């Protein structure tokens, strides 16, 4: 059985999330998928980490690791400062770290959706599983983290099966559509443009169609992928490069793609707004980094909503179930303690 009985060996977590950093800071921390292999290599060679897994989502970047000579936070600061160009002092201000049993408890709560900005959301478990699979493929994990995350998946399943946490689907896609209905009312006659065909984009498309949306266009950098998703839901499709062709005829834009720079800016939108001076324009940005320039909200007749707005709606819906959340937390803490006793 894997263990941490060697006195200097330590299980640690270093991260930044919606709890510690505003969106504009989380954007800078975001790690592109194509650079993940480099980060794993650097963690092992430059930060004295024996095992590691990086969880990189729209609301958190968390590095789980096993340090054979004890957790050295400064080495993580230095590595991330070099990678992101963020001064160590700023990293310290917007990050947090945990060790040993606290890491186990946190991992369990994250997988169960209890630590999410949208309390109880369902996508996070899939994101943790995908991150763990990537780390395993890159030979970054070992016996300690393997056991930690396998147990976290079991703990998340327990929480959703044995408490009311899993009642009702709390997903970014569903909440985005809730928001669209709040601002537009009946969506059946609304022209919607969905940018992005990842997991969140697909779930959003599914939620839109299930609520009666009839005029939906799905676009992506990969037109073939956009066509496949659109075909599944009876929608139109296109390529991101043709964005300007779709914007003048759209009432609601939902941005859910991965991009280093905003796709929709004030400069891009101004001439389009002149073509439709009396029609309001609604934008819902699910991306980190953001798909839509925050300055767009300053334009006339234009309304921009982001992840913080979605979390307000999700947590309104969860208020009636807070007793169940506390019950889930207690059960997860008990399971975390049992696992830690076996690891330590």
C-alpha atoms as a PDB file:
ATOM      1  CA  UNK A   1       0.000   0.000   0.000  1.00  0.00           C
ATOM      2  CA  UNK A   2       1.365   3.496  -0.862  1.00  0.00           C
ATOM      3  CA  UNK A   3       2.369   5.572   2.132  1.00  0.00           C
ATOM      4  CA  UNK A   4       3.950   8.825   3.234  1.00  0.00           C
ATOM      5  CA  UNK A   5       5.674   7.365   6.269  1.00  0.00           C
ATOM      6  CA  UNK A   6       9.073   8.846   5.382  1.00  0.00           C
ATOM      7  CA  UNK A   7       9.316  11.915   7.598  1.00  0.00           C
ATOM      8  CA  UNK A   8      10.386  14.354   4.883  1.00  0.00           C
ATOM      9  CA  UNK A   9       7.903  13.215   2.220  1.00  0.00           C
ATOM     10  CA  UNK A  10       4.842  15.446   2.004  1.00  0.00           C
ATOM     11  CA  UNK A  11       1.556  15.585   0.134  1.00  0.00           C
ATOM     12  CA  UNK A  12       0.842  19.156  -0.946  1.00  0.00           C
ATOM     13  CA  UNK A  13      -1.465  21.355  -2.977  1.00  0.00           C
ATOM     14  CA  UNK A  14      -0.638  24.755  -4.446  1.00  0.00           C
ATOM     15  CA  UNK A  15      -3.299  26.626  -6.356  1.00  0.00           C
ATOM     16  CA  UNK A  16      -5.418  29.602  -7.221  1.00  0.00           C
ATOM     17  CA  UNK A  17      -9.187  29.539  -7.624  1.00  0.00           C
ATOM     18  CA  UNK A  18     -12.342  31.641  -7.629  1.00  0.00           C
ATOM     19  CA  UNK A  19     -12.000  31.740  -3.832  1.00  0.00           C
ATOM     20  CA  UNK A  20      -8.599  33.461  -3.890  1.00  0.00           C
ATOM     21  CA  UNK A  21      -8.355  35.360  -7.176  1.00  0.00           C
ATOM     22  CA  UNK A  22     -10.632  37.550  -9.332  1.00  0.00           C
ATOM     23  CA  UNK A  23     -11.280  36.567 -12.936  1.00  0.00           C
ATOM     24  CA  UNK A  24      -8.667  38.946 -14.379  1.00  0.00           C
ATOM     25  CA  UNK A  25      -5.992  37.179 -12.297  1.00  0.00           C
ATOM     26  CA  UNK A  26      -7.266  33.660 -13.023  1.00  0.00           C
ATOM     27  CA  UNK A  27      -6.948  34.455 -16.723  1.00  0.00           C
ATOM     28  CA  UNK A  28      -3.217  34.979 -16.281  1.00  0.00           C
ATOM     29  CA  UNK A  29      -2.836  31.719 -14.386  1.00  0.00           C
ATOM     30  CA  UNK A  30      -4.604  29.662 -17.080  1.00  0.00           C
ATOM     31  CA  UNK A  31      -2.356  27.001 -18.628  1.00  0.00           C
ATOM     32  CA  UNK A  32      -2.802  26.145 -22.337  1.00  0.00           C
ATOM     33  CA  UNK A  33      -3.227  22.414 -22.948  1.00  0.00           C
ATOM     34  CA  UNK A  34      -0.283  22.369 -25.343  1.00  0.00           C
ATOM     35  CA  UNK A  35       2.129  23.500 -22.608  1.00  0.00           C
ATOM     36  CA  UNK A  36       0.957  21.027 -19.958  1.00  0.00           C
ATOM     37  CA  UNK A  37       3.654  18.442 -20.725  1.00  0.00           C
ATOM     38  CA  UNK A  38       6.337  21.123 -20.264  1.00  0.00           C
ATOM     39  CA  UNK A  39       4.848  22.146 -16.910  1.00  0.00           C
ATOM     40  CA  UNK A  40       4.909  18.563 -15.644  1.00  0.00           C
ATOM     41  CA  UNK A  41       8.525  18.190 -16.688  1.00  0.00           C
ATOM     42  CA  UNK A  42       9.494  21.462 -14.998  1.00  0.00           C
ATOM     43  CA  UNK A  43       7.692  20.520 -11.772  1.00  0.00           C
ATOM     44  CA  UNK A  44       9.673  17.303 -11.541  1.00  0.00           C
ATOM     45  CA  UNK A  45      13.043  18.750 -12.517  1.00  0.00           C
ATOM     46  CA  UNK A  46      12.939  22.265 -11.028  1.00  0.00           C
ATOM     47  CA  UNK A  47      10.551  22.026  -8.072  1.00  0.00           C
ATOM     48  CA  UNK A  48      11.709  18.762  -6.490  1.00  0.00           C
ATOM     49  CA  UNK A  49       8.354  17.032  -6.987  1.00  0.00           C
ATOM     50  CA  UNK A  50       8.134  13.240  -7.212  1.00  0.00           C
ATOM     51  CA  UNK A  51       4.461  12.999  -8.231  1.00  0.00           C
ATOM     52  CA  UNK A  52       2.163  15.705  -9.562  1.00  0.00           C
ATOM     53  CA  UNK A  53      -1.186  16.392 -11.170  1.00  0.00           C
ATOM     54  CA  UNK A  54      -2.400  19.755 -12.467  1.00  0.00           C
ATOM     55  CA  UNK A  55      -6.106  20.570 -12.418  1.00  0.00           C
ATOM     56  CA  UNK A  56      -6.686  23.409 -14.876  1.00  0.00           C
ATOM     57  CA  UNK A  57     -10.289  24.634 -15.287  1.00  0.00           C
ATOM     58  CA  UNK A  58     -12.058  27.938 -15.881  1.00  0.00           C
ATOM     59  CA  UNK A  59     -12.132  28.621 -12.140  1.00  0.00           C
ATOM     60  CA  UNK A  60      -9.004  27.002 -10.756  1.00  0.00           C
ATOM     61  CA  UNK A  61      -5.411  26.010 -11.381  1.00  0.00           C
ATOM     62  CA  UNK A  62      -4.295  23.525  -8.731  1.00  0.00           C
ATOM     63  CA  UNK A  63      -1.046  21.590  -8.502  1.00  0.00           C
ATOM     64  CA  UNK A  64      -1.302  18.424  -6.410  1.00  0.00           C
ATOM     65  CA  UNK A  65       2.027  16.841  -5.607  1.00  0.00           C
ATOM     66  CA  UNK A  66       4.235  14.661  -3.480  1.00  0.00           C
ATOM     67  CA  UNK A  67       7.485  16.322  -2.406  1.00  0.00           C
ATOM     68  CA  UNK A  68      10.126  13.792  -1.282  1.00  0.00           C
ATOM     69  CA  UNK A  69      12.021  16.409   0.742  1.00  0.00           C
ATOM     70  CA  UNK A  70       9.057  18.397   2.038  1.00  0.00           C
ATOM     71  CA  UNK A  71       6.947  20.993   0.253  1.00  0.00           C
ATOM     72  CA  UNK A  72       8.957  24.058  -0.800  1.00  0.00           C
ATOM     73  CA  UNK A  73       6.488  26.776  -1.762  1.00  0.00           C
ATOM     74  CA  UNK A  74       9.260  29.068  -2.981  1.00  0.00           C
ATOM     75  CA  UNK A  75      10.208  26.625  -5.735  1.00  0.00           C
ATOM     76  CA  UNK A  76       6.627  26.653  -7.016  1.00  0.00           C
ATOM     77  CA  UNK A  77       6.552  30.461  -6.871  1.00  0.00           C
ATOM     78  CA  UNK A  78       9.783  30.678  -8.852  1.00  0.00           C
ATOM     79  CA  UNK A  79       8.626  28.202 -11.471  1.00  0.00           C
ATOM     80  CA  UNK A  80       5.269  29.918 -12.033  1.00  0.00           C
ATOM     81  CA  UNK A  81       6.823  33.380 -11.960  1.00  0.00           C
ATOM     82  CA  UNK A  82       9.138  32.338 -14.771  1.00  0.00           C
ATOM     83  CA  UNK A  83       6.312  30.703 -16.752  1.00  0.00           C
ATOM     84  CA  UNK A  84       3.647  33.400 -16.351  1.00  0.00           C
ATOM     85  CA  UNK A  85       5.650  36.534 -15.661  1.00  0.00           C
ATOM     86  CA  UNK A  86       3.683  37.088 -12.458  1.00  0.00           C
ATOM     87  CA  UNK A  87       5.759  38.398  -9.530  1.00  0.00           C
ATOM     88  CA  UNK A  88       6.028  36.004  -6.601  1.00  0.00           C
ATOM     89  CA  UNK A  89       4.358  38.573  -4.314  1.00  0.00           C
ATOM     90  CA  UNK A  90       1.284  38.597  -6.548  1.00  0.00           C
ATOM     91  CA  UNK A  91       1.275  34.800  -6.681  1.00  0.00           C
ATOM     92  CA  UNK A  92       1.332  34.731  -2.892  1.00  0.00           C
ATOM     93  CA  UNK A  93      -1.551  37.209  -2.698  1.00  0.00           C
ATOM     94  CA  UNK A  94      -3.871  35.225  -4.976  1.00  0.00           C
ATOM     95  CA  UNK A  95      -2.895  31.628  -4.221  1.00  0.00           C
ATOM     96  CA  UNK A  96      -3.209  29.116  -1.402  1.00  0.00           C
ATOM     97  CA  UNK A  97      -1.467  25.959  -0.285  1.00  0.00           C
ATOM     98  CA  UNK A  98      -2.454  22.913   1.748  1.00  0.00           C
ATOM     99  CA  UNK A  99      -0.590  19.903   3.092  1.00  0.00           C
ATOM    100  CA  UNK A 100      -1.332  16.317   4.071  1.00  0.00           C
ATOM    101  CA  UNK A 101      -4.891  15.508   5.239  1.00  0.00           C
ATOM    102  CA  UNK A 102      -6.180  18.935   4.157  1.00  0.00           C
ATOM    103  CA  UNK A 103      -5.171  18.079   0.583  1.00  0.00           C
ATOM    104  CA  UNK A 104      -7.186  14.855   0.703  1.00  0.00           C
ATOM    105  CA  UNK A 105     -10.263  16.633   2.038  1.00  0.00           C
ATOM    106  CA  UNK A 106      -9.948  19.403  -0.551  1.00  0.00           C
ATOM    107  CA  UNK A 107      -9.566  16.928  -3.427  1.00  0.00           C
ATOM    108  CA  UNK A 108     -12.713  15.108  -2.312  1.00  0.00           C
ATOM    109  CA  UNK A 109     -14.715  18.352  -2.081  1.00  0.00           C
ATOM    110  CA  UNK A 110     -13.485  19.552  -5.474  1.00  0.00           C
ATOM    111  CA  UNK A 111     -14.427  16.284  -7.191  1.00  0.00           C
ATOM    112  CA  UNK A 112     -17.882  16.387  -5.589  1.00  0.00           C
ATOM    113  CA  UNK A 113     -18.535  19.958  -6.781  1.00  0.00           C
ATOM    114  CA  UNK A 114     -18.682  21.377  -3.259  1.00  0.00           C
ATOM    115  CA  UNK A 115     -15.743  23.740  -3.809  1.00  0.00           C
ATOM    116  CA  UNK A 116     -17.045  24.976  -7.177  1.00  0.00           C
ATOM    117  CA  UNK A 117     -18.071  28.554  -7.873  1.00  0.00           C
ATOM    118  CA  UNK A 118     -21.393  27.043  -8.988  1.00  0.00           C
ATOM    119  CA  UNK A 119     -22.026  24.866  -5.966  1.00  0.00           C
ATOM    120  CA  UNK A 120     -22.829  21.282  -6.917  1.00  0.00           C
ATOM    121  CA  UNK A 121     -21.948  21.636 -10.610  1.00  0.00           C
ATOM    122  CA  UNK A 122     -21.427  18.382 -12.465  1.00  0.00           C
ATOM    123  CA  UNK A 123     -18.656  19.166 -14.988  1.00  0.00           C
ATOM    124  CA  UNK A 124     -15.878  19.304 -12.401  1.00  0.00           C
ATOM    125  CA  UNK A 125     -15.728  15.542 -11.826  1.00  0.00           C
ATOM    126  CA  UNK A 126     -15.129  14.972 -15.532  1.00  0.00           C
ATOM    127  CA  UNK A 127     -12.461  17.686 -15.511  1.00  0.00           C
ATOM    128  CA  UNK A 128     -10.670  16.083 -12.548  1.00  0.00           C
ATOM    129  CA  UNK A 129     -10.790  12.687 -14.285  1.00  0.00           C
ATOM    130  CA  UNK A 130      -9.436  14.174 -17.516  1.00  0.00           C
ATOM    131  CA  UNK A 131      -6.609  15.972 -15.678  1.00  0.00           C
ATOM    132  CA  UNK A 132      -5.722  12.792 -13.818  1.00  0.00           C
ATOM    133  CA  UNK A 133      -5.708  10.827 -17.096  1.00  0.00           C
ATOM    134  CA  UNK A 134      -3.348  13.384 -18.665  1.00  0.00           C
ATOM    135  CA  UNK A 135      -0.987  13.240 -15.683  1.00  0.00           C
ATOM    136  CA  UNK A 136      -1.014   9.430 -15.778  1.00  0.00           C
ATOM    137  CA  UNK A 137      -0.287   9.375 -19.519  1.00  0.00           C
ATOM    138  CA  UNK A 138       2.696  11.659 -18.904  1.00  0.00           C
ATOM    139  CA  UNK A 139       3.917   9.359 -16.087  1.00  0.00           C
ATOM    140  CA  UNK A 140       3.598  12.251 -13.641  1.00  0.00           C
ATOM    141  CA  UNK A 141       1.541  10.457 -11.001  1.00  0.00           C
ATOM    142  CA  UNK A 142       2.644   7.678  -8.671  1.00  0.00           C
ATOM    143  CA  UNK A 143       1.177   5.447  -5.975  1.00  0.00           C
ATOM    144  CA  UNK A 144       0.147   8.294  -3.640  1.00  0.00           C
ATOM    145  CA  UNK A 145      -1.695  10.467  -6.153  1.00  0.00           C
ATOM    146  CA  UNK A 146      -3.134   7.436  -7.921  1.00  0.00           C
ATOM    147  CA  UNK A 147      -4.772   6.364  -4.682  1.00  0.00           C
ATOM    148  CA  UNK A 148      -5.826   9.915  -3.800  1.00  0.00           C
ATOM    149  CA  UNK A 149      -7.686  10.525  -7.039  1.00  0.00           C
ATOM    150  CA  UNK A 150      -9.191   7.071  -7.390  1.00  0.00           C
ATOM    151  CA  UNK A 151     -10.620   7.556  -3.897  1.00  0.00           C
ATOM    152  CA  UNK A 152     -11.766  11.093  -4.761  1.00  0.00           C
ATOM    153  CA  UNK A 153     -13.845   9.717  -7.640  1.00  0.00           C
ATOM    154  CA  UNK A 154     -15.460   7.230  -5.261  1.00  0.00           C
ATOM    155  CA  UNK A 155     -16.076   9.981  -2.699  1.00  0.00           C
ATOM    156  CA  UNK A 156     -17.738  12.214  -5.305  1.00  0.00           C
ATOM    157  CA  UNK A 157     -20.001   9.347  -6.353  1.00  0.00           C
ATOM    158  CA  UNK A 158     -20.928   8.760  -2.698  1.00  0.00           C
ATOM    159  CA  UNK A 159     -21.811  12.446  -2.202  1.00  0.00           C
ATOM    160  CA  UNK A 160     -24.087  12.563  -5.230  1.00  0.00           C
ATOM    161  CA  UNK A 161     -25.725   9.215  -4.494  1.00  0.00           C
ATOM    162  CA  UNK A 162     -26.276   9.574  -0.754  1.00  0.00           C
ATOM    163  CA  UNK A 163     -27.136  13.260  -0.378  1.00  0.00           C
ATOM    164  CA  UNK A 164     -29.397  15.669  -2.258  1.00  0.00           C
ATOM    165  CA  UNK A 165     -26.332  17.343  -3.775  1.00  0.00           C
ATOM    166  CA  UNK A 166     -27.017  15.563  -7.051  1.00  0.00           C
ATOM    167  CA  UNK A 167     -30.684  16.534  -7.314  1.00  0.00           C
ATOM    168  CA  UNK A 168     -31.128  18.619 -10.431  1.00  0.00           C
ATOM    169  CA  UNK A 169     -28.411  19.136 -13.010  1.00  0.00           C
ATOM    170  CA  UNK A 170     -26.122  21.978 -11.989  1.00  0.00           C
ATOM    171  CA  UNK A 171     -23.933  22.523 -15.052  1.00  0.00           C
ATOM    172  CA  UNK A 172     -22.472  25.614 -16.644  1.00  0.00           C
ATOM    173  CA  UNK A 173     -24.538  24.897 -19.747  1.00  0.00           C
ATOM    174  CA  UNK A 174     -27.841  24.721 -17.886  1.00  0.00           C
ATOM    175  CA  UNK A 175     -27.099  27.804 -15.794  1.00  0.00           C
ATOM    176  CA  UNK A 176     -26.089  29.758 -18.923  1.00  0.00           C
ATOM    177  CA  UNK A 177     -29.465  28.936 -20.450  1.00  0.00           C
ATOM    178  CA  UNK A 178     -31.210  29.910 -17.191  1.00  0.00           C
ATOM    179  CA  UNK A 179     -29.514  33.293 -17.489  1.00  0.00           C
ATOM    180  CA  UNK A 180     -30.476  33.644 -21.157  1.00  0.00           C
ATOM    181  CA  UNK A 181     -34.113  32.968 -20.235  1.00  0.00           C
ATOM    182  CA  UNK A 182     -33.967  35.563 -17.454  1.00  0.00           C
ATOM    183  CA  UNK A 183     -32.757  38.311 -19.756  1.00  0.00           C
ATOM    184  CA  UNK A 184     -34.647  37.355 -22.938  1.00  0.00           C
ATOM    185  CA  UNK A 185     -37.717  35.460 -21.776  1.00  0.00           C
ATOM    186  CA  UNK A 186     -38.946  32.922 -24.335  1.00  0.00           C
ATOM    187  CA  UNK A 187     -35.929  31.713 -26.336  1.00  0.00           C
ATOM    188  CA  UNK A 188     -37.852  30.070 -29.184  1.00  0.00           C
ATOM    189  CA  UNK A 189     -37.661  33.142 -31.442  1.00  0.00           C
ATOM    190  CA  UNK A 190     -34.214  34.325 -30.356  1.00  0.00           C
ATOM    191  CA  UNK A 191     -31.147  34.015 -32.602  1.00  0.00           C
ATOM    192  CA  UNK A 192     -28.339  32.447 -30.555  1.00  0.00           C
ATOM    193  CA  UNK A 193     -24.696  32.047 -31.478  1.00  0.00           C
ATOM    194  CA  UNK A 194     -22.616  29.521 -29.524  1.00  0.00           C
ATOM    195  CA  UNK A 195     -18.835  29.811 -29.850  1.00  0.00           C
ATOM    196  CA  UNK A 196     -16.969  26.639 -28.867  1.00  0.00           C
ATOM    197  CA  UNK A 197     -17.537  22.894 -29.085  1.00  0.00           C
ATOM    198  CA  UNK A 198     -15.751  21.606 -25.989  1.00  0.00           C
ATOM    199  CA  UNK A 199     -17.556  19.857 -23.159  1.00  0.00           C
ATOM    200  CA  UNK A 200     -19.136  23.063 -21.846  1.00  0.00           C
ATOM    201  CA  UNK A 201     -20.135  24.094 -25.369  1.00  0.00           C
ATOM    202  CA  UNK A 202     -21.768  20.752 -26.094  1.00  0.00           C
ATOM    203  CA  UNK A 203     -23.724  20.794 -22.835  1.00  0.00           C
ATOM    204  CA  UNK A 204     -24.817  24.356 -23.517  1.00  0.00           C
ATOM    205  CA  UNK A 205     -26.040  23.386 -26.998  1.00  0.00           C
ATOM    206  CA  UNK A 206     -27.957  20.468 -25.519  1.00  0.00           C
ATOM    207  CA  UNK A 207     -29.519  22.698 -22.845  1.00  0.00           C
ATOM    208  CA  UNK A 208     -30.493  25.356 -25.390  1.00  0.00           C
ATOM    209  CA  UNK A 209     -32.260  22.895 -27.659  1.00  0.00           C
ATOM    210  CA  UNK A 210     -34.012  21.210 -24.730  1.00  0.00           C
ATOM    211  CA  UNK A 211     -35.455  24.627 -23.745  1.00  0.00           C
ATOM    212  CA  UNK A 212     -36.986  25.177 -27.172  1.00  0.00           C
ATOM    213  CA  UNK A 213     -34.299  27.192 -28.977  1.00  0.00           C
ATOM    214  CA  UNK A 214     -34.952  26.918 -32.715  1.00  0.00           C
ATOM    215  CA  UNK A 215     -32.445  29.403 -34.153  1.00  0.00           C
ATOM    216  CA  UNK A 216     -29.033  28.237 -32.952  1.00  0.00           C
ATOM    217  CA  UNK A 217     -25.704  28.509 -34.755  1.00  0.00           C
ATOM    218  CA  UNK A 218     -22.614  26.698 -33.465  1.00  0.00           C
ATOM    219  CA  UNK A 219     -19.179  27.863 -34.566  1.00  0.00           C
ATOM    220  CA  UNK A 220     -15.670  26.635 -33.812  1.00  0.00           C
ATOM    221  CA  UNK A 221     -12.138  27.006 -35.121  1.00  0.00           C
ATOM    222  CA  UNK A 222     -12.667  23.494 -36.500  1.00  0.00           C
ATOM    223  CA  UNK A 223     -15.695  23.783 -38.797  1.00  0.00           C
ATOM    224  CA  UNK A 224     -16.026  19.998 -39.093  1.00  0.00           C
ATOM    225  CA  UNK A 225     -16.409  19.717 -35.343  1.00  0.00           C
ATOM    226  CA  UNK A 226     -18.916  22.571 -35.284  1.00  0.00           C
ATOM    227  CA  UNK A 227     -20.875  20.853 -38.058  1.00  0.00           C
ATOM    228  CA  UNK A 228     -20.947  17.556 -36.143  1.00  0.00           C
ATOM    229  CA  UNK A 229     -22.262  19.203 -32.955  1.00  0.00           C
ATOM    230  CA  UNK A 230     -24.744  21.362 -34.864  1.00  0.00           C
ATOM    231  CA  UNK A 231     -26.004  18.366 -36.826  1.00  0.00           C
ATOM    232  CA  UNK A 232     -26.619  16.462 -33.585  1.00  0.00           C
ATOM    233  CA  UNK A 233     -28.855  19.247 -32.280  1.00  0.00           C
ATOM    234  CA  UNK A 234     -30.445  20.432 -35.519  1.00  0.00           C
ATOM    235  CA  UNK A 235     -28.533  23.723 -35.541  1.00  0.00           C
ATOM    236  CA  UNK A 236     -26.606  25.698 -38.151  1.00  0.00           C
ATOM    237  CA  UNK A 237     -22.804  25.731 -38.082  1.00  0.00           C
ATOM    238  CA  UNK A 238     -19.822  27.782 -39.118  1.00  0.00           C
ATOM    239  CA  UNK A 239     -16.169  28.592 -38.490  1.00  0.00           C
ATOM    240  CA  UNK A 240     -14.821  31.104 -35.987  1.00  0.00           C
ATOM    241  CA  UNK A 241     -12.997  32.906 -38.805  1.00  0.00           C
ATOM    242  CA  UNK A 242     -16.431  33.889 -40.176  1.00  0.00           C
ATOM    243  CA  UNK A 243     -17.590  35.375 -36.860  1.00  0.00           C
ATOM    244  CA  UNK A 244     -18.317  38.791 -38.396  1.00  0.00           C
ATOM    245  CA  UNK A 245     -20.806  37.167 -40.763  1.00  0.00           C
ATOM    246  CA  UNK A 246     -22.896  35.818 -37.873  1.00  0.00           C
ATOM    247  CA  UNK A 247     -22.774  38.684 -35.369  1.00  0.00           C
ATOM    248  CA  UNK A 248     -25.167  41.150 -37.099  1.00  0.00           C
ATOM    249  CA  UNK A 249     -28.060  38.658 -37.030  1.00  0.00           C
ATOM    250  CA  UNK A 250     -27.586  37.393 -33.474  1.00  0.00           C
ATOM    251  CA  UNK A 251     -29.451  38.351 -30.302  1.00  0.00           C
ATOM    252  CA  UNK A 252     -27.448  36.312 -27.765  1.00  0.00           C
ATOM    253  CA  UNK A 253     -23.814  35.200 -28.012  1.00  0.00           C
ATOM    254  CA  UNK A 254     -22.500  32.526 -25.654  1.00  0.00           C
ATOM    255  CA  UNK A 255     -18.700  32.293 -25.654  1.00  0.00           C
ATOM    256  CA  UNK A 256     -17.312  28.938 -24.539  1.00  0.00           C
ATOM    257  CA  UNK A 257     -14.044  28.441 -26.375  1.00  0.00           C
ATOM    258  CA  UNK A 258     -10.355  28.476 -25.484  1.00  0.00           C
ATOM    259  CA  UNK A 259      -8.624  31.630 -26.646  1.00  0.00           C
ATOM    260  CA  UNK A 260      -5.640  33.666 -25.524  1.00  0.00           C
ATOM    261  CA  UNK A 261      -7.236  36.967 -26.593  1.00  0.00           C
ATOM    262  CA  UNK A 262     -10.925  37.981 -26.612  1.00  0.00           C
ATOM    263  CA  UNK A 263     -12.674  37.081 -29.870  1.00  0.00           C
ATOM    264  CA  UNK A 264     -15.272  39.832 -29.525  1.00  0.00           C
ATOM    265  CA  UNK A 265     -13.883  43.307 -28.851  1.00  0.00           C
ATOM    266  CA  UNK A 266     -15.308  46.829 -28.829  1.00  0.00           C
ATOM    267  CA  UNK A 267     -13.562  47.533 -32.128  1.00  0.00           C
ATOM    268  CA  UNK A 268     -15.103  44.475 -33.755  1.00  0.00           C
ATOM    269  CA  UNK A 269     -18.575  45.136 -32.382  1.00  0.00           C
ATOM    270  CA  UNK A 270     -18.980  48.874 -33.032  1.00  0.00           C
ATOM    271  CA  UNK A 271     -19.660  48.634 -36.811  1.00  0.00           C
ATOM    272  CA  UNK A 272     -22.008  45.696 -36.219  1.00  0.00           C
ATOM    273  CA  UNK A 273     -24.047  47.664 -33.679  1.00  0.00           C
ATOM    274  CA  UNK A 274     -24.512  50.427 -36.264  1.00  0.00           C
ATOM    275  CA  UNK A 275     -26.280  47.861 -38.459  1.00  0.00           C
ATOM    276  CA  UNK A 276     -28.813  47.130 -35.687  1.00  0.00           C
ATOM    277  CA  UNK A 277     -29.197  50.337 -33.642  1.00  0.00           C
ATOM    278  CA  UNK A 278     -32.479  49.470 -31.914  1.00  0.00           C
ATOM    279  CA  UNK A 279     -31.852  45.822 -31.013  1.00  0.00           C
ATOM    280  CA  UNK A 280     -30.328  44.906 -27.635  1.00  0.00           C
ATOM    281  CA  UNK A 281     -27.340  42.566 -27.723  1.00  0.00           C
ATOM    282  CA  UNK A 282     -26.640  40.030 -24.965  1.00  0.00           C
ATOM    283  CA  UNK A 283     -23.321  38.278 -24.330  1.00  0.00           C
ATOM    284  CA  UNK A 284     -22.688  35.408 -21.916  1.00  0.00           C
ATOM    285  CA  UNK A 285     -18.989  34.662 -21.459  1.00  0.00           C
ATOM    286  CA  UNK A 286     -18.109  31.224 -20.080  1.00  0.00           C
ATOM    287  CA  UNK A 287     -14.426  31.388 -21.020  1.00  0.00           C
ATOM    288  CA  UNK A 288     -11.227  31.741 -19.011  1.00  0.00           C
ATOM    289  CA  UNK A 289      -9.372  33.494 -20.541  1.00  0.00           C
ATOM    290  CA  UNK A 290     -12.403  35.530 -21.477  1.00  0.00           C
ATOM    291  CA  UNK A 291     -13.910  35.228 -24.961  1.00  0.00           C
ATOM    292  CA  UNK A 292     -15.457  38.700 -24.830  1.00  0.00           C
ATOM    293  CA  UNK A 293     -13.685  41.955 -23.981  1.00  0.00           C
ATOM    294  CA  UNK A 294     -15.183  43.376 -20.739  1.00  0.00           C
ATOM    295  CA  UNK A 295     -15.235  46.792 -22.439  1.00  0.00           C
ATOM    296  CA  UNK A 296     -18.064  45.555 -24.662  1.00  0.00           C
ATOM    297  CA  UNK A 297     -20.433  46.164 -21.733  1.00  0.00           C
ATOM    298  CA  UNK A 298     -19.854  49.926 -22.094  1.00  0.00           C
ATOM    299  CA  UNK A 299     -21.341  50.025 -25.595  1.00  0.00           C
ATOM    300  CA  UNK A 300     -24.932  51.210 -25.998  1.00  0.00           C
ATOM    301  CA  UNK A 301     -27.661  48.576 -25.856  1.00  0.00           C
ATOM    302  CA  UNK A 302     -25.100  45.871 -25.052  1.00  0.00           C
ATOM    303  CA  UNK A 303     -25.248  43.621 -21.980  1.00  0.00           C
ATOM    304  CA  UNK A 304     -22.440  41.328 -20.841  1.00  0.00           C
ATOM    305  CA  UNK A 305     -22.675  38.524 -18.272  1.00  0.00           C
ATOM    306  CA  UNK A 306     -19.857  36.337 -16.974  1.00  0.00           C
ATOM    307  CA  UNK A 307     -19.089  33.425 -14.698  1.00  0.00           C
ATOM    308  CA  UNK A 308     -19.779  35.446 -11.551  1.00  0.00           C
ATOM    309  CA  UNK A 309     -23.326  36.134 -12.753  1.00  0.00           C
ATOM    310  CA  UNK A 310     -23.836  32.440 -13.450  1.00  0.00           C
ATOM    311  CA  UNK A 311     -22.578  31.459 -10.011  1.00  0.00           C
ATOM    312  CA  UNK A 312     -25.096  33.823  -8.394  1.00  0.00           C
ATOM    313  CA  UNK A 313     -27.934  32.009 -10.179  1.00  0.00           C
ATOM    314  CA  UNK A 314     -26.551  28.556  -9.388  1.00  0.00           C
ATOM    315  CA  UNK A 315     -26.095  29.357  -5.721  1.00  0.00           C
ATOM    316  CA  UNK A 316     -29.593  30.855  -5.464  1.00  0.00           C
ATOM    317  CA  UNK A 317     -30.888  27.464  -6.584  1.00  0.00           C
ATOM    318  CA  UNK A 318     -28.653  25.694  -4.050  1.00  0.00           C
ATOM    319  CA  UNK A 319     -29.694  27.713  -0.965  1.00  0.00           C
ATOM    320  CA  UNK A 320     -32.548  25.357  -0.199  1.00  0.00           C
ATOM    321  CA  UNK A 321     -30.091  22.447  -0.161  1.00  0.00           C
ATOM    322  CA  UNK A 322     -27.373  23.889   2.086  1.00  0.00           C
ATOM    323  CA  UNK A 323     -28.170  21.370   4.817  1.00  0.00           C
ATOM    324  CA  UNK A 324     -27.398  18.609   2.322  1.00  0.00           C
ATOM    325  CA  UNK A 325     -24.155  20.347   1.356  1.00  0.00           C
ATOM    326  CA  UNK A 326     -23.056  20.311   5.002  1.00  0.00           C
ATOM    327  CA  UNK A 327     -23.992  16.628   5.248  1.00  0.00           C
ATOM    328  CA  UNK A 328     -21.940  15.892   2.146  1.00  0.00           C
ATOM    329  CA  UNK A 329     -18.977  17.845   3.567  1.00  0.00           C
ATOM    330  CA  UNK A 330     -19.102  15.871   6.815  1.00  0.00           C
ATOM    331  CA  UNK A 331     -19.204  12.557   4.967  1.00  0.00           C
ATOM    332  CA  UNK A 332     -16.339  13.558   2.685  1.00  0.00           C
ATOM    333  CA  UNK A 333     -14.241  14.734   5.652  1.00  0.00           C
ATOM    334  CA  UNK A 334     -14.752  11.367   7.328  1.00  0.00           C
ATOM    335  CA  UNK A 335     -13.648   9.533   4.183  1.00  0.00           C
ATOM    336  CA  UNK A 336     -10.664  11.852   3.761  1.00  0.00           C
ATOM    337  CA  UNK A 337      -9.546  11.135   7.327  1.00  0.00           C
ATOM    338  CA  UNK A 338      -9.720   7.372   6.738  1.00  0.00           C
ATOM    339  CA  UNK A 339      -7.644   7.626   3.562  1.00  0.00           C
ATOM    340  CA  UNK A 340      -5.076   9.892   5.216  1.00  0.00           C
ATOM    341  CA  UNK A 341      -4.639   7.443   8.096  1.00  0.00           C
ATOM    342  CA  UNK A 342      -3.770   4.761   5.545  1.00  0.00           C
ATOM    343  CA  UNK A 343      -1.374   7.004   3.639  1.00  0.00           C
ATOM    344  CA  UNK A 344       0.445   8.575   6.592  1.00  0.00           C
END
